[in-house]
């Protein structure tokens, strides 16, 4: 049967890399829980590790300190969940500089770096693409919660 002259191209299956394999096998119930204020310490200064959160998952970007380390171009993304910033293509929130350490009840959610509840389809797709990017390059090391007391929060 003819398909109008178009030939089918073979599909290439790309094997997942070590980060993808690791991240695909994470047991969400066994990884550490961080509060927003705890996550803020993983900035390469207060603690030596560099962590970036996206949609609640925390990625260890320490291996890429030349981009995420103190004084580097992406350091503004370190120590917080940056879902909102990525979806809006910003490096800093429009509101207060350190608003992420406050509870969501104390401020306008649109001024945070993490809130995406008001995103349109395009903005959500942008965040989803960033998640794919990070999952291929960095290990998930925890999850971030909005409240300041977790069941087994990291200290």
Protein backbone atom coordinates (compact mmCIF):
# COMPACT_ATOMS: atom_id res chain seq x y z
CA UNK A 1 0.00 0.00 0.00
CA UNK A 2 1.38 3.41 -0.94
CA UNK A 3 1.78 6.20 1.57
CA UNK A 4 1.86 8.98 -0.99
CA UNK A 5 5.58 8.78 -1.67
CA UNK A 6 6.61 9.51 1.89
CA UNK A 7 8.99 6.97 3.33
CA UNK A 8 8.91 6.01 6.95
CA UNK A 9 12.06 6.93 8.79
CA UNK A 10 13.33 4.50 11.39
CA UNK A 11 12.85 5.74 14.93
CA UNK A 12 15.97 6.00 16.99
CA UNK A 13 15.63 4.92 20.58
CA UNK A 14 17.86 6.91 22.87
CA UNK A 15 18.89 5.03 25.98
CA UNK A 16 18.46 6.99 29.22
CA UNK A 17 21.68 8.31 30.73
CA UNK A 18 22.82 7.66 34.32
CA UNK A 19 20.93 10.68 35.70
CA UNK A 20 17.68 9.71 33.97
CA UNK A 21 17.97 6.12 35.19
CA UNK A 22 18.63 7.29 38.74
CA UNK A 23 15.81 9.85 38.68
CA UNK A 24 13.35 7.39 37.11
CA UNK A 25 13.95 4.97 39.99
CA UNK A 26 13.61 7.44 42.87
CA UNK A 27 11.30 6.31 45.65
CA UNK A 28 9.53 9.57 46.47
CA UNK A 29 8.70 8.25 49.94
CA UNK A 30 12.33 7.68 50.87
CA UNK A 31 14.05 10.88 49.76
CA UNK A 32 14.55 13.81 52.15
CA UNK A 33 11.93 16.52 52.59
CA UNK A 34 13.15 20.11 52.81
CA UNK A 35 11.27 23.22 53.84
CA UNK A 36 11.81 26.34 51.72
CA UNK A 37 14.04 27.87 54.40
CA UNK A 38 16.13 24.67 54.60
CA UNK A 39 16.48 24.57 50.82
CA UNK A 40 17.70 28.18 50.84
CA UNK A 41 20.82 27.06 52.76
CA UNK A 42 22.03 24.89 49.86
CA UNK A 43 23.50 27.87 48.05
CA UNK A 44 27.23 27.06 48.01
CA UNK A 45 27.87 29.42 50.92
CA UNK A 46 25.79 28.37 53.94
CA UNK A 47 26.16 24.74 52.81
CA UNK A 48 28.61 23.65 50.14
CA UNK A 49 26.01 21.96 47.92
CA UNK A 50 24.06 23.80 45.25
CA UNK A 51 20.39 22.77 45.00
CA UNK A 52 17.70 23.96 42.58
CA UNK A 53 14.04 23.02 42.95
CA UNK A 54 11.53 22.66 40.12
CA UNK A 55 7.90 21.71 40.78
CA UNK A 56 8.84 20.43 44.22
CA UNK A 57 11.75 18.21 43.18
CA UNK A 58 15.23 19.28 44.28
CA UNK A 59 18.16 18.77 41.91
CA UNK A 60 21.82 18.79 42.98
CA UNK A 61 23.62 21.13 40.54
CA UNK A 62 26.85 21.21 42.59
CA UNK A 63 28.82 19.53 39.76
CA UNK A 64 28.06 22.58 37.60
CA UNK A 65 29.39 25.20 40.02
CA UNK A 66 30.88 27.17 37.12
CA UNK A 67 27.31 28.13 36.19
CA UNK A 68 25.46 27.85 39.53
CA UNK A 69 28.16 28.74 42.06
CA UNK A 70 28.30 31.99 44.06
CA UNK A 71 28.82 34.94 41.74
CA UNK A 72 27.97 32.92 38.62
CA UNK A 73 25.19 33.63 36.12
CA UNK A 74 22.64 31.11 37.42
CA UNK A 75 23.36 31.43 41.13
CA UNK A 76 20.11 33.39 41.54
CA UNK A 77 18.28 30.10 40.88
CA UNK A 78 20.07 28.20 43.65
CA UNK A 79 18.49 27.44 47.01
CA UNK A 80 14.87 27.75 45.92
CA UNK A 81 12.13 26.18 43.84
CA UNK A 82 12.29 28.22 40.65
CA UNK A 83 9.33 26.80 38.73
CA UNK A 84 7.67 30.22 38.34
CA UNK A 85 10.88 31.94 37.31
CA UNK A 86 11.59 29.34 34.63
CA UNK A 87 8.04 29.47 33.25
CA UNK A 88 8.20 33.26 33.03
CA UNK A 89 11.80 33.29 31.77
CA UNK A 90 13.06 35.38 34.70
CA UNK A 91 16.00 35.09 37.06
CA UNK A 92 14.37 37.03 39.91
CA UNK A 93 10.76 37.38 41.11
CA UNK A 94 8.88 40.62 40.53
CA UNK A 95 8.08 40.96 44.26
CA UNK A 96 10.27 40.89 47.35
CA UNK A 97 13.75 39.43 46.93
CA UNK A 98 13.56 36.79 49.66
CA UNK A 99 9.87 35.95 49.58
CA UNK A 100 10.41 32.19 49.21
CA UNK A 101 11.13 31.68 52.87
CA UNK A 102 7.69 32.95 53.85
CA UNK A 103 4.58 30.81 54.07
CA UNK A 104 2.21 31.04 51.11
CA UNK A 105 -0.40 32.62 53.40
CA UNK A 106 1.71 35.71 54.02
CA UNK A 107 2.15 37.10 50.50
CA UNK A 108 0.93 37.29 46.94
CA UNK A 109 1.66 33.92 45.29
CA UNK A 110 2.53 35.68 42.01
CA UNK A 111 5.55 37.22 43.79
CA UNK A 112 7.12 33.84 44.57
CA UNK A 113 9.66 31.90 42.55
CA UNK A 114 7.66 28.65 42.72
CA UNK A 115 3.90 29.22 42.28
CA UNK A 116 2.53 28.07 38.89
CA UNK A 117 -1.19 27.79 39.63
CA UNK A 118 -1.99 30.72 37.33
CA UNK A 119 0.19 29.54 34.42
CA UNK A 120 -1.23 29.11 30.94
CA UNK A 121 -0.47 26.05 28.79
CA UNK A 122 2.61 27.62 27.18
CA UNK A 123 4.16 28.59 30.53
CA UNK A 124 3.51 25.09 31.93
CA UNK A 125 5.12 23.57 28.83
CA UNK A 126 8.21 25.73 29.40
CA UNK A 127 8.51 24.44 32.98
CA UNK A 128 8.00 20.88 31.76
CA UNK A 129 10.87 21.32 29.27
CA UNK A 130 13.11 22.59 32.07
CA UNK A 131 12.21 19.52 34.12
CA UNK A 132 13.31 17.30 31.22
CA UNK A 133 16.54 19.31 30.95
CA UNK A 134 17.33 18.97 34.68
CA UNK A 135 16.34 15.28 34.90
CA UNK A 136 18.89 14.49 32.17
CA UNK A 137 21.72 16.35 33.89
CA UNK A 138 21.25 16.34 37.66
CA UNK A 139 20.20 13.90 40.39
CA UNK A 140 17.03 14.45 42.39
CA UNK A 141 18.09 14.70 46.04
CA UNK A 142 14.85 15.64 47.77
CA UNK A 143 11.49 17.36 47.67
CA UNK A 144 10.53 20.78 48.99
CA UNK A 145 7.37 21.46 50.97
CA UNK A 146 5.59 24.73 51.61
CA UNK A 147 5.32 24.39 55.37
CA UNK A 148 8.10 24.71 57.91
CA UNK A 149 7.59 21.37 59.64
CA UNK A 150 7.94 18.16 57.66
CA UNK A 151 7.51 14.56 58.73
CA UNK A 152 11.18 13.84 58.18
CA UNK A 153 12.58 17.19 57.15
CA UNK A 154 16.32 17.54 56.67
CA UNK A 155 18.05 19.70 59.27
